[in-house]
Amino acid sequence: MLPSTVLTTKELLLQIPFNADLPRHNDVDWLLRAALVEGVKIVFVPDAEPLIVWHIDSNRLRISSSSDWRYSLGWIERSRSQVTPRAYASFLLIWVSGTAARGKSWKPFWILPWKALAKGQPGLMDFLAHFVIWLVPSKLRRTISVFVDPIKTKRAQTLRF
């Protein structure tokens, strides 16, 4: 989720401001805190058409391209009471795993599944994603996604209300 995709009121943003002290995950952190406000409803728009266009400058340093998996692990540990056990496990096995794999440190490869099992409720797809992230080269994953993305888009269109 990108902050630029959030459609909300000025009043809610003033009531629940983004946490400027978080160098990472401030968008999801805001969403979790805003969801606690009475009367606030989170709705994801299932539309095949883009709502925004995000230009990714591949040569630009971004916080999201760092391999500091320990920060993400610490954030989800602190936020665990705000997420379901399933979301906790998925965050570990997909987000934290992807961040750690960029750093090529194999320690989290073993630690993250154990944490997900001990404190969360991982699904089969979470484990599959974890192993694919670590064992399938990123170039091959990008090639495969070219074929998988149209299938996911078509499936999302059939789920419309």
C-alpha atoms as a PDB file:
ATOM      1  CA  MET A   1       0.000   0.000   0.000  1.00  0.00           C
ATOM      2  CA  LEU A   2       1.306   3.413  -0.890  1.00  0.00           C
ATOM      3  CA  PRO A   3       0.262   6.480   1.114  1.00  0.00           C
ATOM      4  CA  SER A   4      -0.668   8.156  -2.162  1.00  0.00           C
ATOM      5  CA  THR A   5      -3.382   5.527  -2.673  1.00  0.00           C
ATOM      6  CA  VAL A   6      -5.197   6.338   0.571  1.00  0.00           C
ATOM      7  CA  LEU A   7      -8.439   8.228   0.092  1.00  0.00           C
ATOM      8  CA  THR A   8      -9.605   9.664   3.400  1.00  0.00           C
ATOM      9  CA  THR A   9     -10.704  12.842   5.080  1.00  0.00           C
ATOM     10  CA  LYS A  10      -8.477  15.613   6.340  1.00  0.00           C
ATOM     11  CA  GLU A  11     -10.114  15.185   9.751  1.00  0.00           C
ATOM     12  CA  LEU A  12      -9.010  11.553  10.030  1.00  0.00           C
ATOM     13  CA  LEU A  13      -5.455  12.440   8.986  1.00  0.00           C
ATOM     14  CA  LEU A  14      -5.367  15.164  11.651  1.00  0.00           C
ATOM     15  CA  GLN A  15      -6.821  12.791  14.250  1.00  0.00           C
ATOM     16  CA  ILE A  16      -4.461   9.923  13.313  1.00  0.00           C
ATOM     17  CA  PRO A  17      -1.322  11.430  11.736  1.00  0.00           C
ATOM     18  CA  PHE A  18       1.351   9.363  10.038  1.00  0.00           C
ATOM     19  CA  ASN A  19       4.149   8.447  12.448  1.00  0.00           C
ATOM     20  CA  ALA A  20       7.072  10.496  11.120  1.00  0.00           C
ATOM     21  CA  ASP A  21       9.465   8.631  13.431  1.00  0.00           C
ATOM     22  CA  LEU A  22       9.031   5.402  11.475  1.00  0.00           C
ATOM     23  CA  PRO A  23      11.477   5.199   8.580  1.00  0.00           C
ATOM     24  CA  ARG A  24       9.594   2.158   7.287  1.00  0.00           C
ATOM     25  CA  HIS A  25       6.047   0.735   7.457  1.00  0.00           C
ATOM     26  CA  ASN A  26       4.490   4.115   8.319  1.00  0.00           C
ATOM     27  CA  ASP A  27       1.742   3.508   5.752  1.00  0.00           C
ATOM     28  CA  VAL A  28       0.652   0.165   7.203  1.00  0.00           C
ATOM     29  CA  ASP A  29       1.171   1.488  10.734  1.00  0.00           C
ATOM     30  CA  TRP A  30      -1.228   4.366   9.960  1.00  0.00           C
ATOM     31  CA  LEU A  31      -3.775   2.000   8.448  1.00  0.00           C
ATOM     32  CA  LEU A  32      -3.718  -0.226  11.551  1.00  0.00           C
ATOM     33  CA  ARG A  33      -4.171   2.759  13.883  1.00  0.00           C
ATOM     34  CA  ALA A  34      -6.880   4.368  11.729  1.00  0.00           C
ATOM     35  CA  ALA A  35      -8.817   1.097  11.646  1.00  0.00           C
ATOM     36  CA  LEU A  36      -9.190   1.349  15.443  1.00  0.00           C
ATOM     37  CA  VAL A  37     -11.193   4.574  15.161  1.00  0.00           C
ATOM     38  CA  GLU A  38     -14.922   4.027  15.587  1.00  0.00           C
ATOM     39  CA  GLY A  39     -16.772   4.436  12.315  1.00  0.00           C
ATOM     40  CA  VAL A  40     -13.659   4.047  10.138  1.00  0.00           C
ATOM     41  CA  LYS A  41     -13.903   1.361   7.502  1.00  0.00           C
ATOM     42  CA  ILE A  42     -11.037   0.163   5.335  1.00  0.00           C
ATOM     43  CA  VAL A  43     -12.074  -0.603   1.766  1.00  0.00           C
ATOM     44  CA  PHE A  44      -9.720  -1.857  -0.918  1.00  0.00           C
ATOM     45  CA  VAL A  45     -10.867  -1.004  -4.431  1.00  0.00           C
ATOM     46  CA  PRO A  46     -10.769  -4.146  -6.591  1.00  0.00           C
ATOM     47  CA  ASP A  47     -10.198  -2.496  -9.950  1.00  0.00           C
ATOM     48  CA  ALA A  48      -8.065  -3.817 -12.783  1.00  0.00           C
ATOM     49  CA  GLU A  49      -7.372  -0.259 -13.888  1.00  0.00           C
ATOM     50  CA  PRO A  50      -4.591   1.587 -12.053  1.00  0.00           C
ATOM     51  CA  LEU A  51      -5.690   4.174  -9.516  1.00  0.00           C
ATOM     52  CA  ILE A  52      -2.232   5.735  -9.467  1.00  0.00           C
ATOM     53  CA  VAL A  53       0.957   5.467 -11.493  1.00  0.00           C
ATOM     54  CA  TRP A  54       4.090   5.098  -9.412  1.00  0.00           C
ATOM     55  CA  HIS A  55       7.385   5.732 -11.129  1.00  0.00           C
ATOM     56  CA  ILE A  56      10.203   3.674  -9.615  1.00  0.00           C
ATOM     57  CA  ASP A  57      13.597   5.156 -10.332  1.00  0.00           C
ATOM     58  CA  SER A  58      15.795   2.047 -10.209  1.00  0.00           C
ATOM     59  CA  ASN A  59      18.987   3.985  -9.453  1.00  0.00           C
ATOM     60  CA  ARG A  60      17.502   5.917  -6.533  1.00  0.00           C
ATOM     61  CA  LEU A  61      18.108   4.722  -3.001  1.00  0.00           C
ATOM     62  CA  ARG A  62      14.867   3.958  -1.156  1.00  0.00           C
ATOM     63  CA  ILE A  63      14.314   2.745   2.389  1.00  0.00           C
ATOM     64  CA  SER A  64      12.209  -0.126   1.012  1.00  0.00           C
ATOM     65  CA  SER A  65      15.154  -1.452  -0.999  1.00  0.00           C
ATOM     66  CA  SER A  66      17.388  -1.883   2.042  1.00  0.00           C
ATOM     67  CA  SER A  67      17.994  -5.319   3.536  1.00  0.00           C
ATOM     68  CA  ASP A  68      17.381  -4.329   7.166  1.00  0.00           C
ATOM     69  CA  TRP A  69      15.056  -7.227   7.967  1.00  0.00           C
ATOM     70  CA  ARG A  70      15.564  -6.802  11.729  1.00  0.00           C
ATOM     71  CA  TYR A  71      13.784  -3.431  11.645  1.00  0.00           C
ATOM     72  CA  SER A  72      10.748  -4.977   9.930  1.00  0.00           C
ATOM     73  CA  LEU A  73      10.789  -7.893  12.362  1.00  0.00           C
ATOM     74  CA  GLY A  74      10.863  -5.484  15.306  1.00  0.00           C
ATOM     75  CA  TRP A  75       8.026  -3.407  13.862  1.00  0.00           C
ATOM     76  CA  ILE A  76       5.704  -6.390  13.365  1.00  0.00           C
ATOM     77  CA  GLU A  77       6.590  -7.712  16.835  1.00  0.00           C
ATOM     78  CA  ARG A  78       5.560  -4.351  18.343  1.00  0.00           C
ATOM     79  CA  SER A  79       2.416  -4.254  16.178  1.00  0.00           C
ATOM     80  CA  ARG A  80       1.402  -7.888  16.750  1.00  0.00           C
ATOM     81  CA  SER A  81      -1.575  -6.975  18.943  1.00  0.00           C
ATOM     82  CA  GLN A  82      -3.055  -4.978  16.033  1.00  0.00           C
ATOM     83  CA  VAL A  83      -2.884  -7.754  13.424  1.00  0.00           C
ATOM     84  CA  THR A  84      -4.331 -11.218  13.161  1.00  0.00           C
ATOM     85  CA  PRO A  85      -2.062 -14.234  13.688  1.00  0.00           C
ATOM     86  CA  ARG A  86      -2.450 -14.954   9.961  1.00  0.00           C
ATOM     87  CA  ALA A  87      -1.374 -11.424   8.978  1.00  0.00           C
ATOM     88  CA  TYR A  88       1.570 -11.618  11.390  1.00  0.00           C
ATOM     89  CA  ALA A  89       2.787 -14.879   9.844  1.00  0.00           C
ATOM     90  CA  SER A  90       2.306 -13.596   6.285  1.00  0.00           C
ATOM     91  CA  PHE A  91       4.214 -10.407   7.046  1.00  0.00           C
ATOM     92  CA  LEU A  92       7.112 -12.475   8.417  1.00  0.00           C
ATOM     93  CA  LEU A  93       7.229 -14.998   5.602  1.00  0.00           C
ATOM     94  CA  ILE A  94       6.700 -12.570   2.737  1.00  0.00           C
ATOM     95  CA  TRP A  95       7.753  -9.024   3.669  1.00  0.00           C
ATOM     96  CA  VAL A  96      10.481  -9.685   6.247  1.00  0.00           C
ATOM     97  CA  SER A  97      11.668 -12.685   4.256  1.00  0.00           C
ATOM     98  CA  GLY A  98      11.942 -10.650   1.060  1.00  0.00           C
ATOM     99  CA  THR A  99      13.876  -7.934   2.861  1.00  0.00           C
ATOM    100  CA  ALA A 100      16.234 -10.468   4.455  1.00  0.00           C
ATOM    101  CA  ALA A 101      16.797 -12.341   1.190  1.00  0.00           C
ATOM    102  CA  ARG A 102      18.092  -9.136  -0.427  1.00  0.00           C
ATOM    103  CA  GLY A 103      20.794  -9.063   2.246  1.00  0.00           C
ATOM    104  CA  LYS A 104      21.744 -12.686   1.533  1.00  0.00           C
ATOM    105  CA  SER A 105      21.962 -13.586   5.227  1.00  0.00           C
ATOM    106  CA  TRP A 106      20.658 -17.150   5.622  1.00  0.00           C
ATOM    107  CA  LYS A 107      19.937 -16.876   9.349  1.00  0.00           C
ATOM    108  CA  PRO A 108      16.413 -15.430   8.815  1.00  0.00           C
ATOM    109  CA  PHE A 109      15.652 -18.192   6.300  1.00  0.00           C
ATOM    110  CA  TRP A 110      15.385 -20.554   9.265  1.00  0.00           C
ATOM    111  CA  ILE A 111      14.253 -18.125  11.985  1.00  0.00           C
ATOM    112  CA  LEU A 112      11.235 -16.617  10.223  1.00  0.00           C
ATOM    113  CA  PRO A 113       9.266 -19.852   9.608  1.00  0.00           C
ATOM    114  CA  TRP A 114       9.750 -20.850  13.246  1.00  0.00           C
ATOM    115  CA  LYS A 115       8.533 -17.458  14.477  1.00  0.00           C
ATOM    116  CA  ALA A 116       5.571 -17.613  12.096  1.00  0.00           C
ATOM    117  CA  LEU A 117       4.590 -21.036  13.455  1.00  0.00           C
ATOM    118  CA  ALA A 118       5.198 -20.146  17.114  1.00  0.00           C
ATOM    119  CA  LYS A 119       3.319 -16.824  17.172  1.00  0.00           C
ATOM    120  CA  GLY A 120       1.162 -16.822  14.053  1.00  0.00           C
ATOM    121  CA  GLN A 121      -0.992 -18.892  11.783  1.00  0.00           C
ATOM    122  CA  PRO A 122       0.864 -19.239   8.482  1.00  0.00           C
ATOM    123  CA  GLY A 123      -0.853 -20.716   5.461  1.00  0.00           C
ATOM    124  CA  LEU A 124       0.650 -23.009   2.874  1.00  0.00           C
ATOM    125  CA  MET A 125       1.022 -20.091   0.430  1.00  0.00           C
ATOM    126  CA  ASP A 126       3.026 -18.146   3.030  1.00  0.00           C
ATOM    127  CA  PHE A 127       5.546 -20.982   3.275  1.00  0.00           C
ATOM    128  CA  LEU A 128       5.610 -21.373  -0.489  1.00  0.00           C
ATOM    129  CA  ALA A 129       6.268 -17.641  -0.902  1.00  0.00           C
ATOM    130  CA  HIS A 130       9.047 -17.805   1.698  1.00  0.00           C
ATOM    131  CA  PHE A 131      10.844 -20.598  -0.139  1.00  0.00           C
ATOM    132  CA  VAL A 132      10.346 -19.010  -3.561  1.00  0.00           C
ATOM    133  CA  ILE A 133      11.723 -15.686  -2.282  1.00  0.00           C
ATOM    134  CA  TRP A 134      14.865 -17.409  -1.022  1.00  0.00           C
ATOM    135  CA  LEU A 135      15.416 -20.183  -3.562  1.00  0.00           C
ATOM    136  CA  VAL A 136      14.233 -18.775  -6.902  1.00  0.00           C
ATOM    137  CA  PRO A 137      16.476 -16.046  -8.363  1.00  0.00           C
ATOM    138  CA  SER A 138      14.796 -12.623  -8.479  1.00  0.00           C
ATOM    139  CA  LYS A 139      15.257 -12.352 -12.252  1.00  0.00           C
ATOM    140  CA  LEU A 140      13.346 -15.599 -12.757  1.00  0.00           C
ATOM    141  CA  ARG A 141      10.644 -14.467 -10.288  1.00  0.00           C
ATOM    142  CA  ARG A 142      10.154 -11.264 -12.313  1.00  0.00           C
ATOM    143  CA  THR A 143       9.872 -13.296 -15.536  1.00  0.00           C
ATOM    144  CA  ILE A 144       7.287 -15.601 -13.968  1.00  0.00           C
ATOM    145  CA  SER A 145       5.291 -12.635 -12.618  1.00  0.00           C
ATOM    146  CA  VAL A 146       4.775 -11.405 -16.192  1.00  0.00           C
ATOM    147  CA  PHE A 147       2.645 -14.514 -16.746  1.00  0.00           C
ATOM    148  CA  VAL A 148       1.033 -14.679 -13.295  1.00  0.00           C
ATOM    149  CA  ASP A 149      -0.059 -11.011 -13.047  1.00  0.00           C
ATOM    150  CA  PRO A 150      -2.635 -11.211 -15.896  1.00  0.00           C
ATOM    151  CA  ILE A 151      -4.146 -14.314 -14.226  1.00  0.00           C
ATOM    152  CA  LYS A 152      -4.392 -12.495 -10.870  1.00  0.00           C
ATOM    153  CA  THR A 153      -5.970  -9.476 -12.584  1.00  0.00           C
ATOM    154  CA  LYS A 154      -8.565 -11.643 -14.324  1.00  0.00           C
ATOM    155  CA  ARG A 155      -9.360 -13.384 -11.017  1.00  0.00           C
ATOM    156  CA  ALA A 156      -9.762 -10.010  -9.256  1.00  0.00           C
ATOM    157  CA  GLN A 157     -12.226  -8.906 -11.927  1.00  0.00           C
ATOM    158  CA  THR A 158     -14.421 -11.958 -11.271  1.00  0.00           C
ATOM    159  CA  LEU A 159     -14.475 -11.116  -7.553  1.00  0.00           C
ATOM    160  CA  ARG A 160     -16.146  -7.740  -8.108  1.00  0.00           C
ATOM    161  CA  PHE A 161     -19.470  -7.153  -6.404  1.00  0.00           C
END
